[in-house]
């Protein structure tokens, strides 16, 4: 074993080990303590004892404690021990090393589990998104391959949780149910209350008779019951008619055609505008002001806004006229809105037709068909400066003027690579993007060790969709066979 003695008994011997080089407290051997006590007692001149303590790096309390131990006759107590701590044995040292190693491994395991859980959530979310976009078969193949690699390293349960698989499905695929040729398929059980064939035919004949052919099953049931006859319940009558495909709609009822999902694409500003109206709470209960806002969905710029005490088609028509004028007279290709009374009013329709602007409307009862306007209203009303109530119409107009000026010219929008809507709308965002790239390049050249890869500013979007259609994967079989090699 290595000894760490510097002078006569100043530091007690230490055992070698994996942590023998760690910092150590100062300890004293029994021989050193006896020597200092003898020397201290032999000094009689004033100041000599103080000089000894300073030279040796001791306090007067050390002398008192050592003398008490010596007077008690506990010679073993003079062995070097840190104050308040027993001397560690070799077993204690090994136990401490193992404890610390166990803590390190436990912490590493916890970090790994957390990383796997985060990765599992991302994988499940990505798989769900791809399935919804039409890539079900391709997604299933990738997930199955990942499960085959992951299950031996973890467990079936952990792998299923991370990849979003059902354990029942996994076990069923491993052990599919086996059908034996000896046992024929079991016939379905017959409920004791089931009508026999004769009763069913009699009931159907009665339902289709001239007397009841134009009546519903409930009407037939009630009529027979009033006559003291009970053949079957209303549900049984409908079940028999449904089995014979005799429950078609016979009423002269208008049916609404299926609404086509609006699918709009903007690749530059002034192609698609979206507008809507929201309520602003007035000074007292029941009083509201109507905020009209029209946005460019590509640049996210609020092209124009107005606040009015009410909502109607004439105000909406004038609002759109003012929006085109505020945009320098440039009109969009199409305007999208929901199916509110103002949006579908005749004045608005006539104006858009006159300006040669296509109309697009949300489907009934589908709130997310107008996402840009809805998201913008949330940005407005969740603004920290947004008041709970407006004292007057003029108060609402002043606040909205300040908000929209800030929103267009200062707000860095996350949907357009953290540029302002005004810079994207007028085209200066590309110059700003180039300057951002230069700043990041200079920072990378000055301190490349601070980056995992060369930094780059977020990319500007090239498309803005309302209801983007699902992507279609073209397989080799779907490609034309007459293409030149």
Protein backbone atom coordinates (compact mmCIF):
# COMPACT_ATOMS: atom_id res chain seq x y z
CA UNK A 1 0.00 0.00 0.00
CA UNK A 2 1.18 3.52 -0.79
CA UNK A 3 1.94 5.96 1.99
CA UNK A 4 1.14 9.65 1.77
CA UNK A 5 3.33 10.75 4.74
CA UNK A 6 4.88 14.19 4.14
CA UNK A 7 6.52 14.82 7.47
CA UNK A 8 6.72 13.00 10.78
CA UNK A 9 3.16 11.81 11.16
CA UNK A 10 1.34 14.74 9.52
CA UNK A 11 -0.78 12.58 7.18
CA UNK A 12 -1.80 9.02 7.98
CA UNK A 13 -1.10 6.21 5.51
CA UNK A 14 -3.72 5.75 2.75
CA UNK A 15 -4.73 2.63 0.86
CA UNK A 16 -4.32 2.54 -2.90
CA UNK A 17 -7.43 2.18 -4.99
CA UNK A 18 -9.38 3.59 -7.88
CA UNK A 19 -10.12 6.77 -5.92
CA UNK A 20 -6.86 7.05 -4.00
CA UNK A 21 -5.95 10.25 -5.87
CA UNK A 22 -8.99 12.17 -4.63
CA UNK A 23 -8.45 15.18 -2.27
CA UNK A 24 -7.89 14.16 1.35
CA UNK A 25 -8.49 15.88 4.65
CA UNK A 26 -5.46 16.56 6.84
CA UNK A 27 -4.98 13.89 9.53
CA UNK A 28 -2.37 13.31 12.25
CA UNK A 29 -0.58 10.20 13.43
CA UNK A 30 -0.24 9.29 17.09
CA UNK A 31 3.54 9.92 17.02
CA UNK A 32 3.04 13.41 15.58
CA UNK A 33 0.46 14.27 18.26
CA UNK A 34 2.74 13.10 21.06
CA UNK A 35 5.67 15.09 19.68
CA UNK A 36 3.64 18.29 19.40
CA UNK A 37 2.21 17.86 22.91
CA UNK A 38 5.67 17.36 24.40
CA UNK A 39 7.07 20.33 22.50
CA UNK A 40 4.10 22.50 23.47
CA UNK A 41 4.46 21.64 27.17
CA UNK A 42 8.20 22.42 27.08
CA UNK A 43 7.69 25.98 25.89
CA UNK A 44 7.48 28.57 28.67
CA UNK A 45 8.32 31.88 27.02
CA UNK A 46 5.51 34.18 25.99
CA UNK A 47 4.54 33.75 22.36
CA UNK A 48 6.48 30.52 21.82
CA UNK A 49 3.41 28.32 22.00
CA UNK A 50 1.51 30.58 19.58
CA UNK A 51 4.42 30.47 17.14
CA UNK A 52 4.43 26.66 17.32
CA UNK A 53 0.72 26.46 16.52
CA UNK A 54 1.05 28.84 13.56
CA UNK A 55 4.12 27.04 12.22
CA UNK A 56 2.41 23.65 12.39
CA UNK A 57 -0.94 24.94 11.14
CA UNK A 58 -2.80 24.03 14.32
CA UNK A 59 -5.38 25.59 16.57
CA UNK A 60 -5.44 25.64 20.36
CA UNK A 61 -8.43 23.30 20.19
CA UNK A 62 -6.18 20.60 18.68
CA UNK A 63 -3.93 20.74 21.74
CA UNK A 64 -6.87 20.58 24.13
CA UNK A 65 -8.48 17.62 22.37
CA UNK A 66 -5.23 15.65 22.14
CA UNK A 67 -4.43 16.29 25.77
CA UNK A 68 -7.89 15.10 26.88
CA UNK A 69 -7.45 11.93 24.88
CA UNK A 70 -4.00 11.39 26.35
CA UNK A 71 -5.19 11.93 29.90
CA UNK A 72 -8.01 9.42 29.38
CA UNK A 73 -5.39 6.87 28.45
CA UNK A 74 -7.02 6.05 25.11
CA UNK A 75 -3.83 5.55 23.18
CA UNK A 76 -5.75 4.14 20.23
CA UNK A 77 -7.68 7.36 20.06
CA UNK A 78 -4.50 9.17 19.09
CA UNK A 79 -4.49 7.35 15.75
CA UNK A 80 -5.12 9.71 12.90
CA UNK A 81 -8.86 10.11 12.31
CA UNK A 82 -10.70 13.01 10.73
CA UNK A 83 -12.83 14.82 13.30
CA UNK A 84 -16.27 13.24 13.56
CA UNK A 85 -15.57 10.53 10.97
CA UNK A 86 -14.28 6.99 11.63
CA UNK A 87 -11.37 5.71 9.60
CA UNK A 88 -12.55 3.99 6.45
CA UNK A 89 -11.63 0.38 6.05
CA UNK A 90 -10.85 -1.27 2.74
CA UNK A 91 -14.34 -2.80 2.73
CA UNK A 92 -15.90 0.62 3.28
CA UNK A 93 -13.89 2.03 0.39
CA UNK A 94 -15.05 -0.75 -1.92
CA UNK A 95 -18.64 -0.31 -0.81
CA UNK A 96 -18.45 3.42 -1.46
CA UNK A 97 -17.00 2.80 -4.91
CA UNK A 98 -19.74 0.32 -5.74
CA UNK A 99 -22.42 2.69 -4.45
CA UNK A 100 -21.20 5.54 -6.62
CA UNK A 101 -20.95 3.24 -9.62
CA UNK A 102 -24.50 2.08 -9.02
CA UNK A 103 -25.73 5.68 -8.83
CA UNK A 104 -23.95 6.50 -12.10
CA UNK A 105 -25.48 3.52 -13.87
CA UNK A 106 -28.94 4.32 -12.48
CA UNK A 107 -28.68 7.91 -13.71
CA UNK A 108 -27.52 6.74 -17.13
CA UNK A 109 -30.42 4.27 -17.29
CA UNK A 110 -32.89 7.02 -16.37
CA UNK A 111 -31.51 9.27 -19.11
CA UNK A 112 -31.74 6.45 -21.62
CA UNK A 113 -35.34 5.69 -20.64
CA UNK A 114 -36.25 9.36 -20.95
CA UNK A 115 -34.61 9.57 -24.38
CA UNK A 116 -36.39 6.42 -25.53
CA UNK A 117 -39.71 7.77 -24.25
CA UNK A 118 -39.25 11.06 -26.10
CA UNK A 119 -38.18 9.21 -29.22
CA UNK A 120 -41.14 6.86 -28.85
CA UNK A 121 -43.61 9.75 -28.64
CA UNK A 122 -42.08 11.35 -31.73
CA UNK A 123 -42.16 8.02 -33.59
CA UNK A 124 -45.80 7.38 -32.68
CA UNK A 125 -46.80 10.90 -33.70
CA UNK A 126 -44.92 10.63 -37.00
CA UNK A 127 -46.45 7.23 -37.74
CA UNK A 128 -49.95 8.54 -37.05
CA UNK A 129 -49.36 11.55 -39.28
CA UNK A 130 -48.04 9.41 -42.15
CA UNK A 131 -50.99 7.00 -41.86
CA UNK A 132 -53.41 9.90 -42.07
CA UNK A 133 -51.64 11.14 -45.20
CA UNK A 134 -52.08 7.85 -47.02
CA UNK A 135 -48.80 6.08 -46.23
CA UNK A 136 -50.32 3.32 -44.09
CA UNK A 137 -48.60 0.40 -45.83
CA UNK A 138 -45.18 2.05 -45.96
CA UNK A 139 -45.44 3.18 -42.34
CA UNK A 140 -46.40 -0.31 -41.17
CA UNK A 141 -43.39 -1.82 -42.95
CA UNK A 142 -40.96 0.63 -41.33
CA UNK A 143 -42.51 0.13 -37.86
CA UNK A 144 -42.33 -3.66 -38.21
CA UNK A 145 -38.64 -3.48 -39.13
CA UNK A 146 -37.94 -1.18 -36.18
CA UNK A 147 -39.80 -3.53 -33.83
CA UNK A 148 -37.74 -6.51 -35.03
CA UNK A 149 -34.54 -4.64 -34.17
CA UNK A 150 -35.74 -3.07 -30.92
CA UNK A 151 -37.58 -5.93 -29.20
CA UNK A 152 -34.47 -8.13 -28.56
CA UNK A 153 -32.68 -5.17 -26.96
CA UNK A 154 -35.52 -4.11 -24.65
CA UNK A 155 -38.74 -6.12 -24.39
CA UNK A 156 -41.93 -6.60 -26.32
CA UNK A 157 -43.80 -4.20 -24.03
CA UNK A 158 -41.20 -1.42 -24.26
CA UNK A 159 -40.85 -1.81 -28.03
CA UNK A 160 -44.64 -1.68 -28.48
CA UNK A 161 -44.91 1.41 -26.28
CA UNK A 162 -42.16 3.22 -28.18
CA UNK A 163 -43.49 2.37 -31.64
CA UNK A 164 -47.20 2.61 -30.91
CA UNK A 165 -47.95 -1.06 -31.58
CA UNK A 166 -50.50 -3.26 -29.86
CA UNK A 167 -49.01 -6.17 -27.96
CA UNK A 168 -52.09 -8.23 -28.71
CA UNK A 169 -51.47 -7.73 -32.43
CA UNK A 170 -47.81 -8.74 -32.05
CA UNK A 171 -48.64 -11.93 -30.16
CA UNK A 172 -51.46 -12.77 -32.55
CA UNK A 173 -49.08 -12.51 -35.49
CA UNK A 174 -46.56 -14.72 -33.72
CA UNK A 175 -49.14 -17.33 -32.78
CA UNK A 176 -52.05 -17.15 -35.22
CA UNK A 177 -55.18 -19.06 -34.24
CA UNK A 178 -55.15 -22.60 -35.66
CA UNK A 179 -58.33 -24.03 -37.14
CA UNK A 180 -58.67 -27.81 -37.03
CA UNK A 181 -60.33 -29.72 -39.83
CA UNK A 182 -61.91 -32.18 -37.39
CA UNK A 183 -64.13 -29.60 -35.68
CA UNK A 184 -66.61 -27.94 -38.07
CA UNK A 185 -67.49 -24.30 -37.50
CA UNK A 186 -69.97 -23.92 -34.68
CA UNK A 187 -73.44 -22.81 -35.67
CA UNK A 188 -74.51 -19.50 -34.16
CA UNK A 189 -76.60 -19.82 -31.05
CA UNK A 190 -80.31 -19.17 -31.42
CA UNK A 191 -81.89 -16.86 -28.88
CA UNK A 192 -84.90 -18.45 -27.20
CA UNK A 193 -87.02 -15.38 -27.94
CA UNK A 194 -86.31 -15.52 -31.70
CA UNK A 195 -89.33 -15.85 -33.99
CA UNK A 196 -89.50 -19.05 -35.99
CA UNK A 197 -89.66 -19.05 -39.77
CA UNK A 198 -93.44 -19.24 -39.87
CA UNK A 199 -93.86 -16.27 -37.53
CA UNK A 200 -91.34 -14.21 -39.48
CA UNK A 201 -93.07 -14.87 -42.79
CA UNK A 202 -96.46 -14.01 -41.30
CA UNK A 203 -95.10 -10.73 -39.88
CA UNK A 204 -93.45 -9.76 -43.18
CA UNK A 205 -96.64 -10.57 -45.08
CA UNK A 206 -98.60 -8.32 -42.73
CA UNK A 207 -96.06 -5.45 -42.99
CA UNK A 208 -96.20 -5.61 -46.80
CA UNK A 209 -100.00 -5.93 -47.00
CA UNK A 210 -102.07 -3.22 -48.64
CA UNK A 211 -103.27 -2.08 -45.22
CA UNK A 212 -99.82 -1.40 -43.75
CA UNK A 213 -97.53 -0.98 -46.77
CA UNK A 214 -97.42 2.81 -46.41
CA UNK A 215 -97.01 2.81 -42.63
CA UNK A 216 -93.86 2.67 -40.54
CA UNK A 217 -93.11 -0.27 -38.27
CA UNK A 218 -93.96 1.80 -35.20
CA UNK A 219 -97.35 2.71 -36.69
CA UNK A 220 -98.07 -0.96 -37.46
CA UNK A 221 -97.06 -2.02 -33.95
CA UNK A 222 -99.32 0.60 -32.32
CA UNK A 223 -102.29 -0.18 -34.60
CA UNK A 224 -102.10 -3.92 -33.91
CA UNK A 225 -101.68 -3.30 -30.21
CA UNK A 226 -104.88 -1.22 -30.15
CA UNK A 227 -106.64 -4.15 -31.82
CA UNK A 228 -105.41 -6.53 -29.11
CA UNK A 229 -102.75 -8.17 -31.27
CA UNK A 230 -99.03 -8.41 -30.43
CA UNK A 231 -96.73 -10.10 -32.95
CA UNK A 232 -93.28 -8.61 -32.27
CA UNK A 233 -91.51 -5.54 -31.02
CA UNK A 234 -90.83 -2.50 -33.18
CA UNK A 235 -87.11 -3.32 -33.32
CA UNK A 236 -87.85 -6.85 -34.48
CA UNK A 237 -90.05 -5.51 -37.26
CA UNK A 238 -87.30 -3.17 -38.40
CA UNK A 239 -84.74 -6.00 -38.17
CA UNK A 240 -86.82 -8.20 -40.47
CA UNK A 241 -87.40 -5.39 -42.95
CA UNK A 242 -83.71 -4.49 -42.89
CA UNK A 243 -82.74 -8.10 -43.64
CA UNK A 244 -84.95 -7.93 -46.77
CA UNK A 245 -83.55 -4.47 -47.74
CA UNK A 246 -86.95 -2.85 -47.22
CA UNK A 247 -85.94 0.14 -45.08
CA UNK A 248 -85.06 2.64 -47.81
CA UNK A 249 -85.95 6.31 -47.35
CA UNK A 250 -89.39 6.95 -48.90
CA UNK A 251 -90.10 10.50 -47.78
CA UNK A 252 -89.79 13.42 -50.18
CA UNK A 253 -86.88 14.78 -48.16
CA UNK A 254 -84.29 17.14 -49.58
CA UNK A 255 -80.74 15.86 -49.35
CA UNK A 256 -77.80 18.22 -49.30
CA UNK A 257 -74.96 17.38 -51.67
CA UNK A 258 -71.60 16.64 -50.12
CA UNK A 259 -69.58 19.80 -49.64
CA UNK A 260 -66.23 19.80 -51.40
CA UNK A 261 -63.28 20.50 -49.15
CA UNK A 262 -61.66 23.83 -50.14
CA UNK A 263 -58.05 23.30 -51.23
CA UNK A 264 -56.18 26.55 -51.85
CA UNK A 265 -52.46 27.03 -52.53
CA UNK A 266 -50.50 30.28 -52.37
CA UNK A 267 -46.88 30.44 -53.60
CA UNK A 268 -46.42 34.22 -53.29
CA UNK A 269 -48.17 37.20 -51.70
CA UNK A 270 -51.48 38.53 -53.08
CA UNK A 271 -52.71 35.16 -54.30
CA UNK A 272 -55.01 33.99 -51.49
CA UNK A 273 -56.60 36.23 -48.87
CA UNK A 274 -58.57 35.00 -45.88
CA UNK A 275 -60.97 37.14 -43.89
CA UNK A 276 -63.26 36.80 -40.90
CA UNK A 277 -65.10 38.79 -38.24
CA UNK A 278 -64.67 38.45 -34.47
CA UNK A 279 -66.40 40.00 -31.50
CA UNK A 280 -64.74 42.50 -29.14
CA UNK A 281 -66.37 42.89 -25.72
CA UNK A 282 -67.80 46.35 -25.13
CA UNK A 283 -68.10 48.44 -21.95
CA UNK A 284 -71.17 46.63 -20.57
CA UNK A 285 -72.63 43.17 -20.80
CA UNK A 286 -74.34 42.46 -24.13
CA UNK A 287 -72.48 45.17 -26.06
CA UNK A 288 -69.95 44.01 -28.65
CA UNK A 289 -67.94 45.54 -31.47
CA UNK A 290 -67.18 43.65 -34.69
CA UNK A 291 -63.57 43.45 -35.86
CA UNK A 292 -63.14 42.77 -39.59
CA UNK A 293 -59.67 41.45 -40.55
CA UNK A 294 -58.36 40.26 -43.93
CA UNK A 295 -55.02 38.39 -44.15
CA UNK A 296 -52.66 37.29 -46.89
CA UNK A 297 -52.12 33.60 -46.10
CA UNK A 298 -48.64 33.48 -47.68
CA UNK A 299 -47.11 36.49 -45.93
CA UNK A 300 -49.48 36.43 -42.90
CA UNK A 301 -49.82 40.20 -43.24
CA UNK A 302 -53.03 41.79 -42.02
CA UNK A 303 -53.81 43.66 -45.23
CA UNK A 304 -56.64 45.67 -43.68
CA UNK A 305 -58.83 45.85 -40.59
CA UNK A 306 -61.91 47.77 -39.51
CA UNK A 307 -63.99 47.90 -36.32
CA UNK A 308 -67.73 48.51 -36.60
CA UNK A 309 -70.62 48.42 -34.15
CA UNK A 310 -72.44 45.79 -36.22
CA UNK A 311 -72.05 43.24 -38.99
CA UNK A 312 -73.80 43.26 -42.37
CA UNK A 313 -73.22 42.72 -46.05
CA UNK A 314 -72.83 46.38 -46.98
CA UNK A 315 -70.12 46.94 -44.38
CA UNK A 316 -68.38 43.75 -45.54
CA UNK A 317 -68.46 44.95 -49.17
CA UNK A 318 -66.97 48.33 -48.24
CA UNK A 319 -64.36 46.57 -46.08
CA UNK A 320 -63.11 44.46 -49.01
CA UNK A 321 -62.99 47.54 -51.26
CA UNK A 322 -60.89 49.35 -48.66
CA UNK A 323 -58.60 46.32 -48.31
CA UNK A 324 -57.82 46.29 -52.05
CA UNK A 325 -57.16 50.04 -51.94
CA UNK A 326 -54.89 49.67 -48.88
CA UNK A 327 -52.89 47.03 -50.79
CA UNK A 328 -52.04 49.53 -53.51
CA UNK A 329 -54.97 48.52 -55.67
CA UNK A 330 -53.68 44.94 -56.03
CA UNK A 331 -56.45 42.37 -55.68
CA UNK A 332 -55.89 38.69 -54.85
CA UNK A 333 -56.76 35.74 -57.07
CA UNK A 334 -59.15 34.28 -54.48
CA UNK A 335 -60.68 35.24 -51.14
CA UNK A 336 -61.51 32.57 -48.56
CA UNK A 337 -63.99 32.96 -45.71
CA UNK A 338 -66.42 30.97 -43.62
CA UNK A 339 -70.17 30.83 -44.29
CA UNK A 340 -71.26 33.74 -42.12
CA UNK A 341 -74.11 35.92 -43.29
CA UNK A 342 -71.78 38.77 -44.25
CA UNK A 343 -69.38 36.49 -46.12
CA UNK A 344 -72.14 34.90 -48.22
CA UNK A 345 -74.17 38.11 -48.68
CA UNK A 346 -75.18 39.36 -52.11
CA UNK A 347 -73.21 42.64 -51.93
CA UNK A 348 -69.98 40.76 -51.21
CA UNK A 349 -70.62 38.18 -53.94
CA UNK A 350 -71.38 40.92 -56.49
CA UNK A 351 -68.21 42.85 -55.56
CA UNK A 352 -65.95 39.81 -55.86
CA UNK A 353 -67.49 38.91 -59.20
CA UNK A 354 -66.98 42.49 -60.41
CA UNK A 355 -63.31 42.42 -59.31
CA UNK A 356 -62.85 38.96 -60.91
CA UNK A 357 -61.89 37.42 -57.55
CA UNK A 358 -62.75 33.77 -56.92
CA UNK A 359 -64.82 32.98 -53.83
CA UNK A 360 -64.01 30.15 -51.47
CA UNK A 361 -65.98 29.18 -48.38
CA UNK A 362 -65.50 26.77 -45.49
CA UNK A 363 -67.65 23.68 -45.23
CA UNK A 364 -70.60 23.98 -42.83
CA UNK A 365 -69.71 23.27 -39.21
CA UNK A 366 -65.99 22.79 -40.05
CA UNK A 367 -64.05 25.34 -38.01
CA UNK A 368 -60.56 24.49 -39.26
CA UNK A 369 -61.35 25.27 -42.91
CA UNK A 370 -60.36 28.88 -42.15
CA UNK A 371 -57.20 28.27 -40.09
CA UNK A 372 -55.23 31.46 -40.76
CA UNK A 373 -57.95 33.84 -39.59
CA UNK A 374 -58.76 31.70 -36.55
CA UNK A 375 -55.07 31.49 -35.54
CA UNK A 376 -54.68 35.24 -36.03
CA UNK A 377 -57.62 36.01 -33.75
CA UNK A 378 -56.04 33.80 -31.08
CA UNK A 379 -52.78 35.77 -31.42
CA UNK A 380 -54.76 38.98 -31.00
CA UNK A 381 -56.82 37.95 -27.99
CA UNK A 382 -53.95 36.19 -26.17
CA UNK A 383 -51.75 39.28 -26.49
CA UNK A 384 -50.70 40.44 -22.98
CA UNK A 385 -51.89 43.98 -23.78
CA UNK A 386 -55.34 42.85 -24.96
CA UNK A 387 -57.95 44.39 -22.60
CA UNK A 388 -60.85 42.48 -21.18
CA UNK A 389 -63.30 45.15 -22.33
CA UNK A 390 -63.20 48.18 -24.58
CA UNK A 391 -64.68 51.39 -23.24
CA UNK A 392 -65.98 52.59 -26.61
CA UNK A 393 -65.83 52.00 -30.34
CA UNK A 394 -63.04 54.55 -30.64
CA UNK A 395 -61.11 52.78 -27.87
CA UNK A 396 -61.28 49.49 -29.80
CA UNK A 397 -60.15 51.17 -33.03
CA UNK A 398 -57.15 52.81 -31.34
CA UNK A 399 -56.02 49.54 -29.77
CA UNK A 400 -56.38 47.58 -33.01
CA UNK A 401 -54.44 50.25 -34.91
CA UNK A 402 -51.52 49.89 -32.49
CA UNK A 403 -51.72 46.09 -32.48
CA UNK A 404 -51.83 45.58 -36.24
CA UNK A 405 -49.02 48.08 -36.83
CA UNK A 406 -46.90 46.10 -34.39
CA UNK A 407 -48.03 42.73 -35.79
CA UNK A 408 -47.19 43.61 -39.40
CA UNK A 409 -43.88 45.41 -38.84
CA UNK A 410 -42.32 44.05 -35.62
CA UNK A 411 -43.78 40.65 -34.78
CA UNK A 412 -41.42 37.81 -35.85
CA UNK A 413 -43.87 35.15 -37.04
CA UNK A 414 -42.89 31.51 -36.46
CA UNK A 415 -44.81 30.40 -39.56
CA UNK A 416 -42.65 32.50 -41.90
CA UNK A 417 -39.17 31.71 -40.55
CA UNK A 418 -39.36 34.39 -37.85
CA UNK A 419 -39.66 37.27 -40.32
CA UNK A 420 -42.21 40.07 -40.05
CA UNK A 421 -45.34 39.73 -42.20
CA UNK A 422 -44.61 43.08 -43.86
CA UNK A 423 -41.12 41.98 -44.97
CA UNK A 424 -42.46 38.79 -46.53
CA UNK A 425 -45.31 40.67 -48.18
CA UNK A 426 -43.08 43.31 -49.79
CA UNK A 427 -40.26 40.86 -50.67
CA UNK A 428 -37.50 42.25 -48.44
CA UNK A 429 -37.40 39.05 -46.36
CA UNK A 430 -34.86 37.48 -48.73
CA UNK A 431 -32.37 40.30 -48.10
CA UNK A 432 -32.90 39.96 -44.36
CA UNK A 433 -32.42 36.20 -44.70
CA UNK A 434 -29.06 36.75 -46.42
CA UNK A 435 -27.89 39.11 -43.67
CA UNK A 436 -28.93 36.58 -41.01
CA UNK A 437 -26.86 33.93 -42.81
CA UNK A 438 -23.83 36.24 -42.84
CA UNK A 439 -24.10 36.86 -39.10
CA UNK A 440 -24.33 33.13 -38.40
CA UNK A 441 -21.37 32.40 -40.71
CA UNK A 442 -19.28 34.97 -38.85
CA UNK A 443 -20.27 33.47 -35.49
CA UNK A 444 -19.37 29.99 -36.75
CA UNK A 445 -15.98 31.19 -38.05
CA UNK A 446 -15.20 32.85 -34.71
CA UNK A 447 -16.21 29.91 -32.48
CA UNK A 448 -16.83 26.70 -34.46
CA UNK A 449 -16.55 24.63 -31.27
CA UNK A 450 -19.84 26.09 -30.05
CA UNK A 451 -21.85 24.51 -32.88
CA UNK A 452 -22.58 20.89 -33.75
CA UNK A 453 -22.98 21.86 -37.42
CA UNK A 454 -22.76 25.01 -39.51
CA UNK A 455 -25.71 27.18 -38.40
CA UNK A 456 -28.26 28.47 -40.88
CA UNK A 457 -31.36 30.65 -40.44
CA UNK A 458 -34.77 28.96 -40.74
CA UNK A 459 -35.82 28.54 -44.34
CA UNK A 460 -38.57 30.74 -45.73
CA UNK A 461 -41.69 28.78 -46.68
CA UNK A 462 -42.46 28.43 -50.38
CA UNK A 463 -46.11 27.35 -50.10
CA UNK A 464 -49.10 28.13 -47.94
CA UNK A 465 -52.03 25.72 -48.04
CA UNK A 466 -55.59 25.70 -46.88
CA UNK A 467 -56.41 21.97 -46.59
CA UNK A 468 -53.35 20.51 -48.28
CA UNK A 469 -54.37 17.28 -50.08
CA UNK A 470 -52.69 14.05 -48.97
CA UNK A 471 -49.55 13.06 -50.81
CA UNK A 472 -49.65 10.15 -53.24
CA UNK A 473 -46.77 7.69 -53.57
CA UNK A 474 -46.28 6.50 -57.12
CA UNK A 475 -45.02 2.94 -57.23
CA UNK A 476 -43.20 1.39 -60.16
CA UNK A 477 -46.41 -0.33 -61.24
CA UNK A 478 -48.18 3.04 -61.42
CA UNK A 479 -45.53 4.60 -63.67
CA UNK A 480 -46.10 4.58 -67.46
CA UNK A 481 -44.55 1.57 -69.09
CA UNK A 482 -43.78 3.36 -72.38
CA UNK A 483 -41.12 5.65 -70.95
CA UNK A 484 -37.80 5.62 -72.73
CA UNK A 485 -35.00 3.89 -70.91
